Protein backbone atom coordinates (compact mmCIF):
# COMPACT_ATOMS: atom_id res chain seq x y z
CA MET A 1 -1.78 -5.48 19.55
CA ASN A 2 -0.81 -7.13 16.53
CA ASP A 3 2.94 -8.02 15.83
CA LEU A 4 4.12 -7.17 12.30
CA THR A 5 7.81 -6.55 11.68
CA VAL A 6 8.21 -3.71 9.09
CA ASP A 7 11.38 -3.99 6.90
CA VAL A 8 11.96 -0.65 4.84
CA GLN A 9 14.15 -0.59 1.53
CA ARG A 10 14.77 2.78 0.15
CA ALA A 11 15.91 2.28 -3.57
CA VAL A 12 15.35 6.13 -4.01
CA GLU A 13 16.31 9.18 -2.26
CA ALA A 14 13.01 11.46 -2.74
CA SER A 15 11.96 14.28 -0.50
CA GLY A 16 8.50 13.73 0.76
CA VAL A 17 8.72 10.12 1.21
CA PRO A 18 7.65 9.20 4.80
CA GLU A 19 10.20 8.18 7.67
CA ASP A 20 10.63 4.68 8.32
CA ALA A 21 8.63 4.87 11.82
CA ASP A 22 5.47 6.21 9.73
CA LEU A 23 5.54 3.61 7.23
CA GLU A 24 5.98 1.04 10.04
CA ARG A 25 3.38 2.57 12.03
CA TRP A 26 0.45 2.72 8.83
CA ALA A 27 1.65 -0.98 7.68
CA GLN A 28 1.39 -2.29 11.42
CA ALA A 29 -2.44 -0.41 11.87
CA ALA A 30 -3.43 -2.27 8.46
CA TRP A 31 -2.06 -5.69 9.81
CA LEU A 32 -5.44 -7.67 10.74
CA GLY A 33 -3.54 -10.94 11.49
CA GLU A 34 -3.58 -12.64 14.43
CA ASP A 35 0.03 -14.08 14.31
CA PRO A 36 3.30 -12.15 14.00
CA SER A 37 4.18 -11.80 10.60
CA GLU A 38 6.79 -9.78 8.46
CA VAL A 39 6.38 -7.19 5.37
CA THR A 40 9.00 -5.62 3.51
CA VAL A 41 8.42 -2.25 2.08
CA ARG A 42 10.48 -1.08 -0.60
CA ILE A 43 10.34 2.50 -1.94
CA VAL A 44 11.46 2.58 -6.04
CA THR A 45 11.90 4.64 -9.04
CA VAL A 46 9.48 4.89 -11.84
CA ALA A 47 12.15 2.47 -13.61
CA GLU A 48 11.94 -0.10 -11.01
CA SER A 49 7.86 -0.01 -10.70
CA ALA A 50 7.54 -0.23 -14.28
CA GLU A 51 9.64 -3.19 -14.95
CA LEU A 52 7.69 -5.01 -11.90
CA ASN A 53 4.42 -4.15 -12.98
CA GLY A 54 5.25 -5.45 -16.49
CA GLN A 55 6.85 -8.66 -15.49
CA TYR A 56 4.23 -9.34 -12.81
CA ARG A 57 1.11 -7.90 -13.75
CA GLY A 58 1.64 -7.53 -17.86
CA LYS A 59 0.97 -3.89 -17.65
CA SER A 60 3.01 -1.25 -19.06
CA GLY A 61 4.62 1.76 -16.95
CA PRO A 62 4.63 2.47 -13.53
CA THR A 63 2.05 2.17 -10.53
CA ASN A 64 1.55 3.37 -6.94
CA VAL A 65 1.71 0.21 -5.29
CA LEU A 66 2.23 -3.31 -6.17
CA SER A 67 1.53 -6.26 -3.45
CA PHE A 68 3.54 -9.44 -3.38
CA PRO A 69 2.11 -11.87 -0.94
CA PHE A 70 4.74 -14.45 0.30
CA GLU A 71 3.71 -18.09 -0.74
CA ALA A 72 5.49 -20.64 1.48
CA PRO A 73 6.46 -23.83 -0.46
CA ALA A 74 4.16 -26.90 0.78
CA GLY A 75 5.05 -27.94 4.51
CA ILE A 76 6.88 -24.74 5.37
CA THR A 77 5.65 -22.33 7.63
CA VAL A 78 7.27 -18.88 7.68
CA PRO A 79 5.59 -15.65 9.14
CA LEU A 80 5.78 -13.49 6.08
CA ALA A 81 3.08 -11.34 4.88
CA GLY A 82 4.98 -10.44 1.67
CA ASP A 83 6.17 -7.19 -0.22
CA LEU A 84 4.83 -3.87 -0.90
CA VAL A 85 6.52 -1.98 -3.64
CA ILE A 86 5.95 1.52 -3.74
CA CYS A 87 6.88 4.12 -6.48
CA ALA A 88 7.72 7.29 -4.74
CA PRO A 89 7.37 9.29 -7.98
CA VAL A 90 3.76 8.23 -8.71
CA VAL A 91 2.59 8.53 -5.25
CA GLU A 92 3.74 12.33 -5.40
CA LYS A 93 2.46 12.83 -8.63
CA GLU A 94 -1.45 11.23 -7.65
CA ALA A 95 -1.30 13.44 -4.25
CA ALA A 96 -0.81 16.65 -6.41
CA GLU A 97 -3.24 15.29 -9.16
CA GLN A 98 -5.85 14.65 -6.55
CA HIS A 99 -5.23 17.81 -4.30
CA LYS A 100 -4.34 15.33 -1.14
CA ALA A 101 -1.68 15.83 1.36
CA LEU A 102 1.48 13.85 0.47
CA ALA A 103 1.67 12.01 3.68
CA GLU A 104 -1.99 11.14 3.67
CA HIS A 105 -1.55 9.47 0.14
CA TRP A 106 1.58 7.65 1.20
CA ALA A 107 -0.72 6.27 4.30
CA HIS A 108 -3.52 5.31 1.83
CA MET A 109 -1.00 3.26 -0.37
CA VAL A 110 0.47 1.23 2.72
CA VAL A 111 -2.84 0.38 3.85
CA HIS A 112 -4.24 -0.51 0.46
CA GLY A 113 -1.02 -2.59 -0.22
CA MET A 114 -1.34 -4.48 3.04
CA LEU A 115 -4.88 -5.27 2.62
CA HIS A 116 -3.78 -6.78 -0.71
CA LEU A 117 -1.36 -8.82 1.08
CA GLN A 118 -4.10 -10.17 3.08
CA GLY A 119 -6.29 -11.05 0.50
CA TYR A 120 -8.42 -8.19 -0.05
CA ASP A 121 -9.12 -6.94 -3.71
CA HIS A 122 -11.23 -4.84 -5.61
CA ILE A 123 -11.75 -6.59 -8.98
CA ASP A 124 -15.36 -6.80 -8.48
CA ASP A 125 -17.59 -3.95 -6.93
CA SER A 126 -18.90 -6.05 -3.76
CA ASP A 127 -15.12 -6.95 -3.03
CA ALA A 128 -14.09 -3.18 -3.82
CA GLY A 129 -17.03 -1.76 -1.55
CA VAL A 130 -15.46 -3.84 1.17
CA MET A 131 -11.91 -2.92 1.00
CA GLU A 132 -12.75 0.65 0.36
CA ALA A 133 -14.79 0.65 3.69
CA LEU A 134 -11.92 -1.37 5.60
CA GLU A 135 -9.55 1.55 4.00
CA ILE A 136 -11.70 4.39 5.38
CA ARG A 137 -11.88 2.75 8.99
CA LEU A 138 -8.09 2.22 8.84
CA LEU A 139 -6.89 5.32 7.60
CA GLY A 140 -9.82 7.11 10.20
CA GLN A 141 -8.14 5.34 13.02
CA LEU A 142 -4.77 6.77 11.69
CA GLY A 143 -6.10 10.35 11.61
CA PHE A 144 -6.75 10.52 8.15
CA SER A 145 -9.76 11.56 5.92
CA ASN A 146 -11.58 9.37 3.47
CA PRO A 147 -9.42 8.78 0.49
CA TYR A 148 -12.25 8.31 -1.51
CA GLU A 149 -14.31 11.62 -1.11
CA THR A 150 -12.13 13.82 -3.06
CA GLU A 151 -12.13 11.15 -6.12
CA GLU A 152 -16.26 11.10 -5.71
CA THR A 153 -16.34 14.91 -5.57
CA GLU A 154 -14.58 14.91 -8.75
CA LYS A 155 -16.39 12.35 -10.55
CA ASP A 156 -19.57 14.45 -10.08
CA SER A 157 -18.68 17.53 -11.47
């Protein structure tokens, strides 16, 4: 089994935010690296998410999950995957809008963010297909359904 240490930081107390043990389990399931590593999962407010989204992505407003891969200085080897910043109110709102169980959407955000930390992306269709297939497989292993089925169904109607 892979070896990922997960540090959880809670900058907001909100109902519906999963327990640390769940966040850890989901992050560890999505760690595909062979070497031990560490990730920080920070649960934040709308204000903090919006500030970071503007500062690092040039986009206004909050977002569900931001991934910050660790970039070691030249010659330094530190086993850090990076940081995930997840906005609790945005995740809750999206789950309701998408008619998904809250825990299921949280698991998806953690898995999605972890894959970004490992270099996966969804900028073009080909990369998106690879990343989505991996998310579906990992979430299935965790007992969750395909997070894209609801969206696909809604797009068709």
